[in-house]
């Protein structure tokens, strides 16, 4: 009686194992596993916040001072705040 050598997986078995391992993950998790995060990647997510007139006026003034759009100013401010917070940790 001989035993079948199962130490090497065929290409189909590897594909099946990959599929099973990804089954419980979201699309974002699968993509992040496959590719490193790129800070210059295309923007596909959208965030929205509500502001009062005072906050909007301040944001508008800062955008004009920086010669940026309001969305670009918000992105700039958020990224700056994140860098500062992470630096302190």
PDB file of N, CA and C in Angstrom:
ATOM      1  N   UNK A   1       0.841  -1.165   0.000  1.00  0.00           N
ATOM      2  CA  UNK A   1       0.000   0.000   0.000  1.00  0.00           C
ATOM      3  C   UNK A   1       0.889   1.233   0.000  1.00  0.00           C
ATOM      4  N   UNK A   2       0.608   2.179  -0.902  1.00  0.00           N
ATOM      5  CA  UNK A   2       1.416   3.391  -0.974  1.00  0.00           C
ATOM      6  C   UNK A   2       0.557   4.593  -0.576  1.00  0.00           C
ATOM      7  N   UNK A   3       1.271   5.604  -0.101  1.00  0.00           N
ATOM      8  CA  UNK A   3       0.582   6.829   0.321  1.00  0.00           C
ATOM      9  C   UNK A   3       0.817   7.923  -0.699  1.00  0.00           C
ATOM     10  N   UNK A   4      -0.196   8.718  -0.904  1.00  0.00           N
ATOM     11  CA  UNK A   4      -0.087   9.826  -1.836  1.00  0.00           C
ATOM     12  C   UNK A   4       0.652  10.976  -1.157  1.00  0.00           C
ATOM     13  N   UNK A   5       1.598  11.557  -1.873  1.00  0.00           N
ATOM     14  CA  UNK A   5       2.360  12.688  -1.346  1.00  0.00           C
ATOM     15  C   UNK A   5       1.484  13.935  -1.402  1.00  0.00           C
ATOM     16  N   UNK A   6       1.063  14.433  -0.260  1.00  0.00           N
ATOM     17  CA  UNK A   6       0.186  15.602  -0.202  1.00  0.00           C
ATOM     18  C   UNK A   6       0.935  16.851   0.264  1.00  0.00           C
ATOM     19  N   UNK A   7       2.235  16.799   0.301  1.00  0.00           N
ATOM     20  CA  UNK A   7       3.003  17.945   0.783  1.00  0.00           C
ATOM     21  C   UNK A   7       3.004  19.098  -0.217  1.00  0.00           C
ATOM     22  N   UNK A   8       2.833  18.801  -1.482  1.00  0.00           N
ATOM     23  CA  UNK A   8       2.796  19.845  -2.504  1.00  0.00           C
ATOM     24  C   UNK A   8       1.358  20.052  -2.940  1.00  0.00           C
ATOM     25  N   UNK A   9       0.930  21.311  -2.907  1.00  0.00           N
ATOM     26  CA  UNK A   9      -0.433  21.617  -3.319  1.00  0.00           C
ATOM     27  C   UNK A   9      -0.445  22.005  -4.788  1.00  0.00           C
ATOM     28  N   UNK A  10      -1.475  21.571  -5.459  1.00  0.00           N
ATOM     29  CA  UNK A  10      -1.633  21.950  -6.859  1.00  0.00           C
ATOM     30  C   UNK A  10      -2.086  23.404  -6.928  1.00  0.00           C
ATOM     31  N   UNK A  11      -2.034  23.965  -8.105  1.00  0.00           N
ATOM     32  CA  UNK A  11      -2.448  25.348  -8.308  1.00  0.00           C
ATOM     33  C   UNK A  11      -3.919  25.535  -7.934  1.00  0.00           C
ATOM     34  N   UNK A  12      -4.759  24.568  -8.271  1.00  0.00           N
ATOM     35  CA  UNK A  12      -6.177  24.654  -7.924  1.00  0.00           C
ATOM     36  C   UNK A  12      -6.383  24.642  -6.421  1.00  0.00           C
ATOM     37  N   UNK A  13      -5.627  23.831  -5.714  1.00  0.00           N
ATOM     38  CA  UNK A  13      -5.758  23.777  -4.252  1.00  0.00           C
ATOM     39  C   UNK A  13      -5.315  25.098  -3.615  1.00  0.00           C
ATOM     40  N   UNK A  14      -4.294  25.721  -4.167  1.00  0.00           N
ATOM     41  CA  UNK A  14      -3.844  27.020  -3.655  1.00  0.00           C
ATOM     42  C   UNK A  14      -4.910  28.087  -3.876  1.00  0.00           C
ATOM     43  N   UNK A  15      -5.551  28.060  -5.052  1.00  0.00           N
ATOM     44  CA  UNK A  15      -6.616  29.016  -5.340  1.00  0.00           C
ATOM     45  C   UNK A  15      -7.792  28.815  -4.384  1.00  0.00           C
ATOM     46  N   UNK A  16      -8.111  27.573  -4.106  1.00  0.00           N
ATOM     47  CA  UNK A  16      -9.210  27.268  -3.186  1.00  0.00           C
ATOM     48  C   UNK A  16      -8.873  27.778  -1.785  1.00  0.00           C
ATOM     49  N   UNK A  17      -7.645  27.527  -1.337  1.00  0.00           N
ATOM     50  CA  UNK A  17      -7.219  28.001  -0.016  1.00  0.00           C
ATOM     51  C   UNK A  17      -7.244  29.523   0.066  1.00  0.00           C
ATOM     52  N   UNK A  18      -6.798  30.206  -0.985  1.00  0.00           N
ATOM     53  CA  UNK A  18      -6.832  31.675  -1.013  1.00  0.00           C
ATOM     54  C   UNK A  18      -8.268  32.184  -0.930  1.00  0.00           C
ATOM     55  N   UNK A  19      -9.160  31.531  -1.665  1.00  0.00           N
ATOM     56  CA  UNK A  19     -10.569  31.926  -1.640  1.00  0.00           C
ATOM     57  C   UNK A  19     -11.153  31.758  -0.239  1.00  0.00           C
ATOM     58  N   UNK A  20     -10.856  30.658   0.404  1.00  0.00           N
ATOM     59  CA  UNK A  20     -11.373  30.393   1.751  1.00  0.00           C
ATOM     60  C   UNK A  20     -10.828  31.408   2.744  1.00  0.00           C
ATOM     61  N   UNK A  21      -9.555  31.754   2.631  1.00  0.00           N
ATOM     62  CA  UNK A  21      -8.945  32.710   3.550  1.00  0.00           C
ATOM     63  C   UNK A  21      -9.520  34.113   3.388  1.00  0.00           C
ATOM     64  N   UNK A  22      -9.997  34.449   2.199  1.00  0.00           N
ATOM     65  CA  UNK A  22     -10.541  35.784   1.941  1.00  0.00           C
ATOM     66  C   UNK A  22     -12.052  35.851   2.158  1.00  0.00           C
ATOM     67  N   UNK A  23     -12.687  34.740   2.433  1.00  0.00           N
ATOM     68  CA  UNK A  23     -14.150  34.693   2.494  1.00  0.00           C
ATOM     69  C   UNK A  23     -14.743  35.589   3.579  1.00  0.00           C
ATOM     70  N   UNK A  24     -14.085  35.721   4.714  1.00  0.00           N
ATOM     71  CA  UNK A  24     -14.627  36.516   5.818  1.00  0.00           C
ATOM     72  C   UNK A  24     -14.148  37.958   5.812  1.00  0.00           C
ATOM     73  N   UNK A  25     -13.388  38.350   4.804  1.00  0.00           N
ATOM     74  CA  UNK A  25     -12.848  39.705   4.762  1.00  0.00           C
ATOM     75  C   UNK A  25     -13.682  40.589   3.842  1.00  0.00           C
ATOM     76  N   UNK A  26     -13.666  41.892   4.131  1.00  0.00           N
ATOM     77  CA  UNK A  26     -14.350  42.846   3.262  1.00  0.00           C
ATOM     78  C   UNK A  26     -13.469  43.133   2.053  1.00  0.00           C
ATOM     79  N   UNK A  27     -14.036  43.797   1.063  1.00  0.00           N
ATOM     80  CA  UNK A  27     -13.263  44.155  -0.132  1.00  0.00           C
ATOM     81  C   UNK A  27     -12.064  45.022   0.228  1.00  0.00           C
ATOM     82  N   UNK A  28     -12.247  45.926   1.172  1.00  0.00           N
ATOM     83  CA  UNK A  28     -11.162  46.818   1.579  1.00  0.00           C
ATOM     84  C   UNK A  28     -10.028  46.030   2.215  1.00  0.00           C
ATOM     85  N   UNK A  29     -10.359  45.062   3.074  1.00  0.00           N
ATOM     86  CA  UNK A  29      -9.332  44.241   3.715  1.00  0.00           C
ATOM     87  C   UNK A  29      -8.582  43.394   2.692  1.00  0.00           C
ATOM     88  N   UNK A  30      -9.298  42.851   1.724  1.00  0.00           N
ATOM     89  CA  UNK A  30      -8.650  42.037   0.687  1.00  0.00           C
ATOM     90  C   UNK A  30      -7.706  42.899  -0.130  1.00  0.00           C
ATOM     91  N   UNK A  31      -8.170  44.113  -0.518  1.00  0.00           N
ATOM     92  CA  UNK A  31      -7.320  45.007  -1.300  1.00  0.00           C
ATOM     93  C   UNK A  31      -6.108  45.444  -0.506  1.00  0.00           C
ATOM     94  N   UNK A  32      -6.295  45.739   0.786  1.00  0.00           N
ATOM     95  CA  UNK A  32      -5.163  46.200   1.594  1.00  0.00           C
ATOM     96  C   UNK A  32      -4.168  45.071   1.826  1.00  0.00           C
ATOM     97  N   UNK A  33      -4.638  43.826   1.832  1.00  0.00           N
ATOM     98  CA  UNK A  33      -3.716  42.698   1.946  1.00  0.00           C
ATOM     99  C   UNK A  33      -2.881  42.551   0.680  1.00  0.00           C
ATOM    100  N   UNK A  34      -3.467  42.883  -0.467  1.00  0.00           N
ATOM    101  CA  UNK A  34      -2.808  42.677  -1.745  1.00  0.00           C
ATOM    102  C   UNK A  34      -1.875  43.814  -2.143  1.00  0.00           C
ATOM    103  N   UNK A  35      -2.137  45.012  -1.659  1.00  0.00           N
ATOM    104  CA  UNK A  35      -1.323  46.141  -2.081  1.00  0.00           C
ATOM    105  C   UNK A  35      -1.050  47.053  -0.891  1.00  0.00           C
ATOM    106  N   UNK A  36       0.121  47.624  -0.875  1.00  0.00           N
ATOM    107  CA  UNK A  36       0.467  48.546   0.191  1.00  0.00           C
ATOM    108  C   UNK A  36      -0.336  49.829   0.030  1.00  0.00           C
ATOM    109  N   UNK A  37      -0.586  50.494   1.139  1.00  0.00           N
ATOM    110  CA  UNK A  37      -1.335  51.747   1.078  1.00  0.00           C
ATOM    111  C   UNK A  37      -0.468  52.829   0.463  1.00  0.00           C
ATOM    112  N   UNK A  38      -1.036  53.529  -0.495  1.00  0.00           N
ATOM    113  CA  UNK A  38      -0.320  54.575  -1.215  1.00  0.00           C
ATOM    114  C   UNK A  38      -0.966  55.916  -0.891  1.00  0.00           C
ATOM    115  N   UNK A  39      -0.209  56.851  -0.293  1.00  0.00           N
ATOM    116  CA  UNK A  39      -0.804  58.134   0.047  1.00  0.00           C
ATOM    117  C   UNK A  39      -1.265  58.938  -1.167  1.00  0.00           C
ATOM    118  N   UNK A  40      -0.792  58.590  -2.351  1.00  0.00           N
ATOM    119  CA  UNK A  40      -1.172  59.312  -3.562  1.00  0.00           C
ATOM    120  C   UNK A  40      -2.161  58.529  -4.421  1.00  0.00           C
ATOM    121  N   UNK A  41      -2.755  57.497  -3.844  1.00  0.00           N
ATOM    122  CA  UNK A  41      -3.722  56.688  -4.585  1.00  0.00           C
ATOM    123  C   UNK A  41      -4.973  57.510  -4.866  1.00  0.00           C
ATOM    124  N   UNK A  42      -5.754  57.053  -5.829  1.00  0.00           N
ATOM    125  CA  UNK A  42      -6.999  57.739  -6.186  1.00  0.00           C
ATOM    126  C   UNK A  42      -7.931  57.767  -4.977  1.00  0.00           C
ATOM    127  N   UNK A  43      -8.614  58.867  -4.806  1.00  0.00           N
ATOM    128  CA  UNK A  43      -9.520  59.024  -3.667  1.00  0.00           C
ATOM    129  C   UNK A  43     -10.878  58.452  -4.036  1.00  0.00           C
ATOM    130  N   UNK A  44     -11.322  57.465  -3.256  1.00  0.00           N
ATOM    131  CA  UNK A  44     -12.580  56.792  -3.554  1.00  0.00           C
ATOM    132  C   UNK A  44     -13.579  56.887  -2.403  1.00  0.00           C
ATOM    133  N   UNK A  45     -13.139  57.326  -1.242  1.00  0.00           N
ATOM    134  CA  UNK A  45     -14.014  57.442  -0.080  1.00  0.00           C
ATOM    135  C   UNK A  45     -14.412  58.895   0.105  1.00  0.00           C
ATOM    136  N   UNK A  46     -15.597  59.107   0.628  1.00  0.00           N
ATOM    137  CA  UNK A  46     -16.071  60.462   0.828  1.00  0.00           C
ATOM    138  C   UNK A  46     -16.529  60.616   2.272  1.00  0.00           C
ATOM    139  N   UNK A  47     -16.149  61.725   2.883  1.00  0.00           N
ATOM    140  CA  UNK A  47     -16.565  62.045   4.237  1.00  0.00           C
ATOM    141  C   UNK A  47     -17.358  63.341   4.205  1.00  0.00           C
ATOM    142  N   UNK A  48     -18.272  63.464   5.103  1.00  0.00           N
ATOM    143  CA  UNK A  48     -19.045  64.697   5.192  1.00  0.00           C
ATOM    144  C   UNK A  48     -19.238  65.081   6.643  1.00  0.00           C
ATOM    145  N   UNK A  49     -19.133  66.365   6.931  1.00  0.00           N
ATOM    146  CA  UNK A  49     -19.379  66.847   8.284  1.00  0.00           C
ATOM    147  C   UNK A  49     -20.280  68.070   8.201  1.00  0.00           C
ATOM    148  N   UNK A  50     -21.032  68.268   9.244  1.00  0.00           N
ATOM    149  CA  UNK A  50     -21.878  69.452   9.309  1.00  0.00           C
ATOM    150  C   UNK A  50     -21.154  70.490  10.147  1.00  0.00           C
ATOM    151  N   UNK A  51     -21.178  71.721   9.670  1.00  0.00           N
ATOM    152  CA  UNK A  51     -20.539  72.811  10.400  1.00  0.00           C
ATOM    153  C   UNK A  51     -21.553  73.941  10.576  1.00  0.00           C
ATOM    154  N   UNK A  52     -21.323  74.754  11.593  1.00  0.00           N
ATOM    155  CA  UNK A  52     -22.193  75.904  11.783  1.00  0.00           C
ATOM    156  C   UNK A  52     -21.630  77.087  10.990  1.00  0.00           C
ATOM    157  N   UNK A  53     -22.354  78.169  10.880  1.00  0.00           N
ATOM    158  CA  UNK A  53     -21.880  79.316  10.082  1.00  0.00           C
ATOM    159  C   UNK A  53     -20.521  79.868  10.541  1.00  0.00           C
ATOM    160  N   UNK A  54     -20.281  79.868  11.833  1.00  0.00           N
ATOM    161  CA  UNK A  54     -19.003  80.359  12.351  1.00  0.00           C
ATOM    162  C   UNK A  54     -17.845  79.485  11.842  1.00  0.00           C
ATOM    163  N   UNK A  55     -18.011  78.157  11.971  1.00  0.00           N
ATOM    164  CA  UNK A  55     -16.965  77.233  11.527  1.00  0.00           C
ATOM    165  C   UNK A  55     -16.752  77.339  10.022  1.00  0.00           C
ATOM    166  N   UNK A  56     -17.836  77.472   9.284  1.00  0.00           N
ATOM    167  CA  UNK A  56     -17.728  77.583   7.834  1.00  0.00           C
ATOM    168  C   UNK A  56     -16.985  78.856   7.434  1.00  0.00           C
ATOM    169  N   UNK A  57     -17.283  79.945   8.135  1.00  0.00           N
ATOM    170  CA  UNK A  57     -16.607  81.209   7.838  1.00  0.00           C
ATOM    171  C   UNK A  57     -15.110  81.095   8.109  1.00  0.00           C
ATOM    172  N   UNK A  58     -14.747  80.456   9.216  1.00  0.00           N
ATOM    173  CA  UNK A  58     -13.325  80.270   9.542  1.00  0.00           C
ATOM    174  C   UNK A  58     -12.645  79.383   8.500  1.00  0.00           C
ATOM    175  N   UNK A  59     -13.327  78.337   8.104  1.00  0.00           N
ATOM    176  CA  UNK A  59     -12.791  77.427   7.096  1.00  0.00           C
ATOM    177  C   UNK A  59     -12.622  78.125   5.759  1.00  0.00           C
ATOM    178  N   UNK A  60     -13.607  78.923   5.395  1.00  0.00           N
ATOM    179  CA  UNK A  60     -13.550  79.677   4.148  1.00  0.00           C
ATOM    180  C   UNK A  60     -12.386  80.679   4.167  1.00  0.00           C
ATOM    181  N   UNK A  61     -12.178  81.335   5.305  1.00  0.00           N
ATOM    182  CA  UNK A  61     -11.085  82.304   5.438  1.00  0.00           C
ATOM    183  C   UNK A  61      -9.733  81.603   5.326  1.00  0.00           C
ATOM    184  N   UNK A  62      -9.612  80.447   5.970  1.00  0.00           N
ATOM    185  CA  UNK A  62      -8.353  79.694   5.886  1.00  0.00           C
ATOM    186  C   UNK A  62      -8.103  79.221   4.462  1.00  0.00           C
ATOM    187  N   UNK A  63      -9.146  78.761   3.788  1.00  0.00           N
ATOM    188  CA  UNK A  63      -9.012  78.307   2.398  1.00  0.00           C
ATOM    189  C   UNK A  63      -8.525  79.444   1.508  1.00  0.00           C
ATOM    190  N   UNK A  64      -9.063  80.616   1.723  1.00  0.00           N
ATOM    191  CA  UNK A  64      -8.639  81.766   0.923  1.00  0.00           C
ATOM    192  C   UNK A  64      -7.188  82.140   1.236  1.00  0.00           C
ATOM    193  N   UNK A  65      -6.829  82.087   2.509  1.00  0.00           N
ATOM    194  CA  UNK A  65      -5.452  82.405   2.923  1.00  0.00           C
ATOM    195  C   UNK A  65      -4.459  81.421   2.322  1.00  0.00           C
ATOM    196  N   UNK A  66      -4.814  80.148   2.276  1.00  0.00           N
ATOM    197  CA  UNK A  66      -3.930  79.110   1.735  1.00  0.00           C
ATOM    198  C   UNK A  66      -4.048  78.978   0.214  1.00  0.00           C
ATOM    199  N   UNK A  67      -4.982  79.717  -0.379  1.00  0.00           N
ATOM    200  CA  UNK A  67      -5.246  79.650  -1.810  1.00  0.00           C
ATOM    201  C   UNK A  67      -5.582  78.213  -2.233  1.00  0.00           C
ATOM    202  N   UNK A  68      -6.518  77.624  -1.503  1.00  0.00           N
ATOM    203  CA  UNK A  68      -6.975  76.268  -1.762  1.00  0.00           C
ATOM    204  C   UNK A  68      -8.495  76.255  -1.766  1.00  0.00           C
ATOM    205  N   UNK A  69      -9.047  75.154  -2.263  1.00  0.00           N
ATOM    206  CA  UNK A  69     -10.492  74.976  -2.152  1.00  0.00           C
ATOM    207  C   UNK A  69     -10.808  74.591  -0.700  1.00  0.00           C
ATOM    208  N   UNK A  70     -12.074  74.656  -0.353  1.00  0.00           N
ATOM    209  CA  UNK A  70     -12.458  74.292   1.012  1.00  0.00           C
ATOM    210  C   UNK A  70     -12.164  72.812   1.266  1.00  0.00           C
ATOM    211  N   UNK A  71     -12.462  71.949   0.296  1.00  0.00           N
ATOM    212  CA  UNK A  71     -12.191  70.514   0.461  1.00  0.00           C
ATOM    213  C   UNK A  71     -10.698  70.259   0.616  1.00  0.00           C
ATOM    214  N   UNK A  72      -9.887  70.937  -0.180  1.00  0.00           N
ATOM    215  CA  UNK A  72      -8.445  70.771  -0.089  1.00  0.00           C
ATOM    216  C   UNK A  72      -7.915  71.298   1.246  1.00  0.00           C
ATOM    217  N   UNK A  73      -8.499  72.378   1.731  1.00  0.00           N
ATOM    218  CA  UNK A  73      -8.098  72.932   3.017  1.00  0.00           C
ATOM    219  C   UNK A  73      -8.436  71.972   4.144  1.00  0.00           C
ATOM    220  N   UNK A  74      -9.605  71.353   4.067  1.00  0.00           N
ATOM    221  CA  UNK A  74      -9.984  70.370   5.087  1.00  0.00           C
ATOM    222  C   UNK A  74      -9.033  69.177   5.067  1.00  0.00           C
ATOM    223  N   UNK A  75      -8.705  68.693   3.875  1.00  0.00           N
ATOM    224  CA  UNK A  75      -7.783  67.567   3.748  1.00  0.00           C
ATOM    225  C   UNK A  75      -6.410  67.942   4.323  1.00  0.00           C
ATOM    226  N   UNK A  76      -5.941  69.146   4.003  1.00  0.00           N
ATOM    227  CA  UNK A  76      -4.659  69.645   4.501  1.00  0.00           C
ATOM    228  C   UNK A  76      -4.666  69.699   6.027  1.00  0.00           C
ATOM    229  N   UNK A  77      -5.736  70.261   6.608  1.00  0.00           N
ATOM    230  CA  UNK A  77      -5.819  70.399   8.063  1.00  0.00           C
ATOM    231  C   UNK A  77      -5.896  69.036   8.755  1.00  0.00           C
ATOM    232  N   UNK A  78      -6.664  68.129   8.186  1.00  0.00           N
ATOM    233  CA  UNK A  78      -6.788  66.792   8.776  1.00  0.00           C
ATOM    234  C   UNK A  78      -5.448  66.069   8.743  1.00  0.00           C
ATOM    235  N   UNK A  79      -4.783  66.096   7.591  1.00  0.00           N
ATOM    236  CA  UNK A  79      -3.489  65.418   7.486  1.00  0.00           C
ATOM    237  C   UNK A  79      -2.449  66.031   8.417  1.00  0.00           C
ATOM    238  N   UNK A  80      -2.473  67.355   8.564  1.00  0.00           N
ATOM    239  CA  UNK A  80      -1.541  68.022   9.469  1.00  0.00           C
ATOM    240  C   UNK A  80      -1.814  67.604  10.912  1.00  0.00           C
ATOM    241  N   UNK A  81      -3.071  67.571  11.308  1.00  0.00           N
ATOM    242  CA  UNK A  81      -3.436  67.164  12.666  1.00  0.00           C
ATOM    243  C   UNK A  81      -3.041  65.708  12.929  1.00  0.00           C
ATOM    244  N   UNK A  82      -3.238  64.845  11.951  1.00  0.00           N
ATOM    245  CA  UNK A  82      -2.876  63.431  12.108  1.00  0.00           C
ATOM    246  C   UNK A  82      -1.372  63.290  12.297  1.00  0.00           C
ATOM    247  N   UNK A  83      -0.588  63.992  11.456  1.00  0.00           N
ATOM    248  CA  UNK A  83       0.873  63.919  11.591  1.00  0.00           C
ATOM    249  C   UNK A  83       1.322  64.384  12.966  1.00  0.00           C
ATOM    250  N   UNK A  84       0.747  65.478  13.456  1.00  0.00           N
ATOM    251  CA  UNK A  84       1.124  66.011  14.771  1.00  0.00           C
ATOM    252  C   UNK A  84       0.744  65.049  15.896  1.00  0.00           C
ATOM    253  N   UNK A  85      -0.425  64.444  15.810  1.00  0.00           N
ATOM    254  CA  UNK A  85      -0.864  63.498  16.844  1.00  0.00           C
ATOM    255  C   UNK A  85       0.011  62.260  16.846  1.00  0.00           C
ATOM    256  N   UNK A  86       0.335  61.751  15.671  1.00  0.00           N
ATOM    257  CA  UNK A  86       1.157  60.542  15.597  1.00  0.00           C
ATOM    258  C   UNK A  86       2.589  60.821  16.039  1.00  0.00           C
ATOM    259  N   UNK A  87       3.054  62.032  15.824  1.00  0.00           N
ATOM    260  CA  UNK A  87       4.410  62.399  16.238  1.00  0.00           C
ATOM    261  C   UNK A  87       4.528  62.372  17.756  1.00  0.00           C
ATOM    262  N   UNK A  88       3.473  62.761  18.443  1.00  0.00           N
ATOM    263  CA  UNK A  88       3.483  62.800  19.902  1.00  0.00           C
ATOM    264  C   UNK A  88       3.422  61.423  20.545  1.00  0.00           C
ATOM    265  N   UNK A  89       2.975  60.445  19.812  1.00  0.00           N
ATOM    266  CA  UNK A  89       2.832  59.102  20.384  1.00  0.00           C
ATOM    267  C   UNK A  89       4.141  58.383  20.490  1.00  0.00           C
TER     268      UNK A  89
END
